[in-house]
Amino acid sequence: MLVLDANATASALDYSALIAGLREMFAAGVTAPLRHAHGLPRSGEPDATLLVMPAWMGDGSHGGVKIVNVVPGNAKRGLAAVTASYLLFDETTGAHMALMDGATLTGRRTAAASALAASYLARPDARTLLVVGAGHIGSEMPDAYRAALSIERVLVWNPTPARAERLVRRLRDKGIAADVRGDLEAAVGEADVISCATLSRSPLIRGDWLRPGQHLDLVGSFTPDMREADDDAVARGRVFVDGPAAAIESGDIKGPMASGALKEIAGTLYDLCGGRVEGRRSAAEITVFKSVGLAVEDLAAARVALAARRQE
């Protein structure tokens, strides 16, 4: 069985190949049940959670499962709160083929899914990307978007400016034009694409900040009480999601639907990649993409990584 640590997993997931792999997988469709979540009671600290995310092709080729342990109490131990692994197996024989670092795979497939959506929803002449949130996922966004769009400049806003500065330095070291922005409203006004990857529980992006032609990517809200954009921002855009789970799990979709600000979801990544729904329809249209992360994306990424290692 192939075993890939974090560095090996990252090196096997080139963004151009990963975006292509995701596009192919969403167009084909796979069996991917909603993730299973199990509470693990703890004494003297917050309860832990076990997440299990399975998916399989249904054609005898590959299946896989991501196992995620979320242990909030690890903060006092000086350990990461989230540990994840991905197991890829042969669907016909059941043989275990590869074990990969789940956190790395998740970060890269999440950024790739946003870039894939933007390839349908952003303006073709988009040049400036604003990254809101300079953490693990946000730091992956510039490379992912540059593999899908002709991004020339990256702006970074983060609640803690020092983290934004670190990301900007890393981008500049790679030859990417990048700058820190302290005024979020002004930064939104400069951007063609706004990608939010935060853990915010209250809206950061306001609808009256948006201008015609922008694309808004919302990644961070994965529970009903989390929000990255207000109702007006969602109402002004034509809204797409990665899959149906977004309407159940994300406050950025569930909240506006409850208030009546969001009347309908235009489509999913399955619809866009399968050609069933049109993406951007005009240069002036505002588009919104909300992702919560799907097991189909994990399986696609694992297959891309396996193929890359076999070609070495």
Protein backbone atom coordinates (compact mmCIF):
# COMPACT_ATOMS: atom_id res chain seq x y z
CA MET A 1 0.00 0.00 0.00
CA LEU A 2 1.28 3.44 -0.96
CA VAL A 3 1.66 5.77 2.03
CA LEU A 4 1.94 9.53 1.44
CA ASP A 5 2.76 11.95 4.25
CA ALA A 6 1.74 15.63 4.12
CA ASN A 7 4.60 16.73 1.85
CA ALA A 8 4.22 13.78 -0.50
CA THR A 9 0.45 14.30 -0.69
CA ALA A 10 0.91 17.98 -1.57
CA SER A 11 3.51 17.26 -4.25
CA ALA A 12 1.19 14.71 -5.86
CA LEU A 13 -1.69 17.19 -6.13
CA ASP A 14 -0.73 19.68 -8.84
CA TYR A 15 -3.57 22.19 -9.07
CA SER A 16 -4.09 21.98 -12.83
CA ALA A 17 -4.37 18.19 -12.64
CA LEU A 18 -6.53 18.37 -9.51
CA ILE A 19 -9.00 20.82 -11.04
CA ALA A 20 -9.25 18.62 -14.13
CA GLY A 21 -9.79 15.57 -11.94
CA LEU A 22 -12.56 17.28 -10.01
CA ARG A 23 -14.24 18.44 -13.21
CA GLU A 24 -14.23 14.90 -14.57
CA MET A 25 -15.58 13.44 -11.34
CA PHE A 26 -18.43 15.94 -10.98
CA ALA A 27 -19.40 15.41 -14.63
CA ALA A 28 -19.45 11.62 -14.22
CA GLY A 29 -21.10 11.48 -10.80
CA VAL A 30 -20.28 9.02 -8.04
CA THR A 31 -21.97 7.52 -5.00
CA ALA A 32 -21.19 9.75 -2.02
CA PRO A 33 -23.46 9.45 1.04
CA LEU A 34 -23.73 12.39 3.40
CA ARG A 35 -20.90 12.35 5.88
CA HIS A 36 -21.40 10.48 9.14
CA ALA A 37 -20.74 12.44 12.34
CA HIS A 38 -20.38 10.77 15.73
CA GLY A 39 -19.91 12.53 19.03
CA LEU A 40 -17.15 11.24 21.27
CA PRO A 41 -17.91 12.34 24.85
CA ARG A 42 -14.98 13.64 26.88
CA SER A 43 -14.68 14.32 30.58
CA GLY A 44 -13.24 17.67 31.61
CA GLU A 45 -12.95 19.06 28.07
CA PRO A 46 -15.17 19.66 25.01
CA ASP A 47 -16.54 16.56 23.31
CA ALA A 48 -14.65 15.26 20.31
CA THR A 49 -16.18 14.36 16.93
CA LEU A 50 -15.49 11.53 14.51
CA LEU A 51 -16.36 12.27 10.87
CA VAL A 52 -16.49 9.54 8.21
CA MET A 53 -16.80 10.55 4.53
CA PRO A 54 -17.10 7.64 2.05
CA ALA A 55 -17.45 7.66 -1.75
CA TRP A 56 -17.09 5.14 -4.56
CA MET A 57 -17.14 5.21 -8.34
CA GLY A 58 -19.60 2.38 -8.91
CA ASP A 59 -17.66 1.13 -11.94
CA GLY A 60 -15.31 -1.23 -10.13
CA SER A 61 -12.36 1.17 -10.13
CA HIS A 62 -11.92 3.12 -6.91
CA GLY A 63 -13.57 3.99 -3.65
CA GLY A 64 -12.32 5.73 -0.58
CA VAL A 65 -13.08 7.05 2.86
CA LYS A 66 -11.80 10.02 4.82
CA ILE A 67 -11.63 9.69 8.59
CA VAL A 68 -11.46 12.92 10.55
CA ASN A 69 -11.00 13.32 14.31
CA VAL A 70 -11.90 16.75 15.70
CA VAL A 71 -10.59 17.15 19.26
CA PRO A 72 -11.02 20.71 20.55
CA GLY A 73 -9.25 19.75 23.79
CA ASN A 74 -6.00 19.34 21.88
CA ALA A 75 -5.44 23.08 22.11
CA LYS A 76 -4.29 22.73 25.71
CA ARG A 77 -2.01 19.88 24.67
CA GLY A 78 -0.31 21.96 22.01
CA LEU A 79 -1.66 19.64 19.31
CA ALA A 80 -3.75 20.24 16.20
CA ALA A 81 -7.49 20.03 16.80
CA VAL A 82 -8.10 18.18 13.52
CA THR A 83 -6.40 14.97 12.36
CA ALA A 84 -7.42 13.31 9.09
CA SER A 85 -6.39 10.46 6.81
CA TYR A 86 -7.69 9.28 3.45
CA LEU A 87 -7.80 5.61 2.46
CA LEU A 88 -8.17 4.78 -1.25
CA PHE A 89 -9.24 1.25 -2.14
CA ASP A 90 -9.81 -0.92 -5.19
CA GLU A 91 -13.58 -1.06 -5.59
CA THR A 92 -13.54 -4.51 -7.22
CA THR A 93 -11.24 -6.36 -4.82
CA GLY A 94 -11.47 -4.17 -1.75
CA ALA A 95 -7.65 -3.99 -1.61
CA HIS A 96 -6.30 -0.91 0.15
CA MET A 97 -4.24 1.00 -2.40
CA ALA A 98 -3.06 4.22 -0.72
CA LEU A 99 -3.14 6.07 2.58
CA MET A 100 -2.76 9.86 2.33
CA ASP A 101 -2.55 12.83 4.66
CA GLY A 102 -6.16 13.92 5.01
CA ALA A 103 -5.55 17.51 6.08
CA THR A 104 -3.34 18.24 3.09
CA LEU A 105 -5.70 16.50 0.70
CA THR A 106 -8.67 18.42 2.15
CA GLY A 107 -6.96 21.81 1.89
CA ARG A 108 -5.96 21.34 -1.72
CA ARG A 109 -9.22 19.80 -2.94
CA THR A 110 -11.19 22.58 -1.21
CA ALA A 111 -9.20 25.29 -2.96
CA ALA A 112 -9.41 23.38 -6.25
CA ALA A 113 -13.21 23.12 -5.97
CA SER A 114 -13.43 26.90 -5.56
CA ALA A 115 -11.18 27.42 -8.57
CA LEU A 116 -13.22 24.93 -10.58
CA ALA A 117 -16.43 26.81 -9.78
CA ALA A 118 -14.76 30.10 -10.68
CA SER A 119 -13.81 28.71 -14.10
CA TYR A 120 -17.57 28.71 -14.83
CA LEU A 121 -18.69 31.67 -12.73
CA ALA A 122 -15.95 34.34 -12.69
CA ARG A 123 -15.42 36.75 -15.57
CA PRO A 124 -12.82 35.43 -18.04
CA ASP A 125 -10.92 38.71 -17.67
CA ALA A 126 -10.70 38.46 -13.85
CA ARG A 127 -7.21 39.52 -12.77
CA THR A 128 -7.37 40.46 -9.06
CA LEU A 129 -8.10 37.92 -6.31
CA LEU A 130 -8.92 38.95 -2.74
CA VAL A 131 -8.28 36.24 -0.16
CA VAL A 132 -10.25 36.81 3.07
CA GLY A 133 -8.65 34.65 5.74
CA ALA A 134 -4.98 33.68 5.59
CA GLY A 135 -5.19 30.33 7.33
CA HIS A 136 -4.63 26.81 6.01
CA ILE A 137 -7.35 26.91 3.35
CA GLY A 138 -6.97 30.58 2.43
CA SER A 139 -3.26 30.17 1.83
CA GLU A 140 -4.03 27.54 -0.84
CA MET A 141 -6.41 29.79 -2.79
CA PRO A 142 -3.89 31.87 -4.80
CA ASP A 143 -2.19 28.86 -6.39
CA ALA A 144 -5.51 27.16 -7.08
CA TYR A 145 -7.08 30.21 -8.68
CA ARG A 146 -4.00 30.93 -10.77
CA ALA A 147 -4.37 27.43 -12.24
CA ALA A 148 -7.93 28.24 -13.38
CA LEU A 149 -7.94 31.98 -14.12
CA SER A 150 -5.44 34.60 -15.33
CA ILE A 151 -4.94 36.04 -11.84
CA GLU A 152 -2.16 38.64 -11.81
CA ARG A 153 -2.54 40.19 -8.34
CA VAL A 154 -3.51 38.79 -4.94
CA LEU A 155 -4.80 40.90 -2.04
CA VAL A 156 -4.94 39.40 1.45
CA TRP A 157 -7.09 40.45 4.40
CA ASN A 158 -7.01 38.67 7.75
CA PRO A 159 -8.33 39.60 11.21
CA THR A 160 -4.75 39.26 12.44
CA PRO A 161 -2.59 41.37 10.08
CA ALA A 162 0.60 39.45 10.91
CA ARG A 163 -0.82 36.27 9.37
CA ALA A 164 -1.80 38.18 6.21
CA GLU A 165 1.73 39.56 6.01
CA ARG A 166 3.22 36.06 6.26
CA LEU A 167 1.08 34.82 3.38
CA VAL A 168 1.95 37.85 1.26
CA ARG A 169 5.67 37.26 1.84
CA ARG A 170 5.29 33.63 0.74
CA LEU A 171 3.46 34.70 -2.40
CA ARG A 172 6.05 37.33 -3.26
CA ASP A 173 8.81 34.78 -2.77
CA LYS A 174 7.14 32.77 -5.52
CA GLY A 175 7.02 35.80 -7.81
CA ILE A 176 3.32 36.55 -7.32
CA ALA A 177 2.27 40.20 -6.97
CA ALA A 178 0.63 40.37 -3.55
CA ASP A 179 -0.33 42.99 -0.97
CA VAL A 180 -1.91 43.14 2.48
CA ARG A 181 -5.15 45.06 2.84
CA GLY A 182 -6.38 46.35 6.20
CA ASP A 183 -9.67 47.85 4.99
CA LEU A 184 -11.89 44.96 3.92
CA GLU A 185 -14.54 47.09 2.24
CA ALA A 186 -11.95 48.89 0.13
CA ALA A 187 -10.27 45.57 -0.73
CA VAL A 188 -13.57 44.13 -1.95
CA GLY A 189 -13.90 47.11 -4.24
CA GLU A 190 -10.53 46.33 -5.85
CA ALA A 191 -11.18 42.64 -6.48
CA ASP A 192 -12.64 40.70 -9.38
CA VAL A 193 -12.90 37.54 -7.28
CA ILE A 194 -13.37 37.44 -3.48
CA SER A 195 -12.59 34.13 -1.77
CA CYS A 196 -13.50 33.83 1.92
CA ALA A 197 -12.03 31.05 4.04
CA THR A 198 -12.61 32.00 7.65
CA LEU A 199 -14.32 30.64 10.76
CA SER A 200 -16.47 33.75 11.14
CA ARG A 201 -19.80 33.48 12.93
CA SER A 202 -21.02 36.86 11.67
CA PRO A 203 -21.02 38.26 8.12
CA LEU A 204 -17.79 39.81 6.86
CA ILE A 205 -18.88 40.68 3.30
CA ARG A 206 -21.78 43.08 2.80
CA GLY A 207 -23.95 43.15 -0.26
CA ASP A 208 -23.66 46.91 -0.71
CA TRP A 209 -19.88 46.49 -1.12
CA LEU A 210 -20.24 44.31 -4.21
CA ARG A 211 -20.10 45.67 -7.73
CA PRO A 212 -21.39 44.20 -11.00
CA GLY A 213 -19.27 41.42 -12.47
CA GLN A 214 -17.69 40.17 -9.25
CA HIS A 215 -17.55 36.54 -8.14
CA LEU A 216 -17.89 35.74 -4.43
CA ASP A 217 -16.54 32.42 -3.13
CA LEU A 218 -17.65 31.38 0.38
CA VAL A 219 -15.74 28.47 1.92
CA GLY A 220 -15.63 28.89 5.68
CA SER A 221 -19.22 28.49 6.85
CA PHE A 222 -19.78 24.78 7.44
CA THR A 223 -22.35 24.97 10.27
CA PRO A 224 -25.74 26.76 10.41
CA ASP A 225 -24.43 29.36 12.89
CA MET A 226 -21.45 30.44 10.77
CA ARG A 227 -21.63 33.29 8.25
CA GLU A 228 -19.18 35.01 5.91
CA ALA A 229 -21.64 37.12 3.86
CA ASP A 230 -24.83 38.97 4.77
CA ASP A 231 -28.24 38.29 3.27
CA ASP A 232 -27.91 41.18 0.82
CA ALA A 233 -24.67 39.79 -0.62
CA VAL A 234 -26.31 36.44 -1.27
CA ALA A 235 -29.48 38.06 -2.62
CA ARG A 236 -27.52 40.17 -5.13
CA GLY A 237 -25.84 37.14 -6.68
CA ARG A 238 -26.78 34.11 -8.71
CA VAL A 239 -25.98 31.38 -6.20
CA PHE A 240 -24.32 28.02 -6.80
CA VAL A 241 -23.24 25.34 -4.30
CA ASP A 242 -20.91 22.35 -4.46
CA GLY A 243 -23.71 19.96 -3.52
CA PRO A 244 -27.10 19.78 -1.76
CA ALA A 245 -25.46 19.52 1.67
CA ALA A 246 -24.69 23.25 1.54
CA ALA A 247 -28.34 24.12 2.09
CA ILE A 248 -28.39 21.97 5.22
CA GLU A 249 -25.01 22.70 6.75
CA SER A 250 -24.07 26.31 5.95
CA GLY A 251 -25.43 29.44 7.57
CA ASP A 252 -24.55 31.35 4.40
CA ILE A 253 -27.26 29.39 2.57
CA LYS A 254 -29.60 28.34 5.34
CA GLY A 255 -29.87 31.86 6.82
CA PRO A 256 -30.79 33.68 3.59
CA MET A 257 -33.21 30.91 2.65
CA ALA A 258 -34.98 31.25 6.00
CA SER A 259 -35.20 35.04 5.69
CA GLY A 260 -36.44 34.88 2.09
CA ALA A 261 -33.37 36.72 0.75
CA LEU A 262 -32.37 33.63 -1.24
CA LYS A 263 -35.21 32.38 -3.43
CA GLU A 264 -33.41 29.60 -5.26
CA ILE A 265 -30.07 27.92 -5.84
CA ALA A 266 -29.09 28.11 -9.50
CA GLY A 267 -27.17 24.85 -9.52
CA THR A 268 -24.37 22.67 -8.18
CA LEU A 269 -20.90 21.73 -9.36
CA TYR A 270 -22.51 18.55 -10.71
CA ASP A 271 -24.77 20.74 -12.88
CA LEU A 272 -21.99 23.05 -14.04
CA CYS A 273 -19.51 20.29 -14.89
CA GLY A 274 -22.22 18.16 -16.49
CA GLY A 275 -23.36 21.03 -18.72
CA ARG A 276 -26.89 21.01 -17.30
CA VAL A 277 -26.81 24.60 -16.03
CA GLU A 278 -25.22 27.66 -17.59
CA GLY A 279 -22.50 29.41 -15.61
CA ARG A 280 -21.91 33.14 -15.85
CA ARG A 281 -24.46 34.68 -18.23
CA SER A 282 -23.19 38.24 -18.55
CA ALA A 283 -20.21 40.45 -17.72
CA ALA A 284 -22.28 42.39 -15.17
CA GLU A 285 -23.75 39.42 -13.30
CA ILE A 286 -22.69 38.87 -9.68
CA THR A 287 -22.09 35.19 -8.93
CA VAL A 288 -21.79 33.40 -5.59
CA PHE A 289 -20.38 29.95 -4.88
CA LYS A 290 -20.80 28.24 -1.52
CA SER A 291 -18.95 25.02 -0.69
CA VAL A 292 -19.04 22.82 2.39
CA GLY A 293 -16.78 20.04 1.12
CA LEU A 294 -17.87 16.74 -0.39
CA ALA A 295 -16.58 13.19 -0.31
CA VAL A 296 -16.58 13.15 -4.13
CA GLU A 297 -13.85 15.80 -4.00
CA ASP A 298 -11.73 13.69 -1.66
CA LEU A 299 -12.02 10.67 -3.95
CA ALA A 300 -11.15 12.74 -7.01
CA ALA A 301 -8.08 14.15 -5.26
CA ALA A 302 -6.92 10.71 -4.11
CA ARG A 303 -7.18 9.36 -7.65
CA VAL A 304 -5.17 12.32 -8.99
CA ALA A 305 -2.48 11.74 -6.36
CA LEU A 306 -2.28 8.02 -7.13
CA ALA A 307 -1.98 8.70 -10.86
CA ALA A 308 0.77 11.27 -10.24
CA ARG A 309 2.82 8.83 -8.17
CA ARG A 310 2.44 6.10 -10.77
CA GLN A 311 3.83 8.44 -13.43
CA GLU A 312 7.00 9.16 -11.42
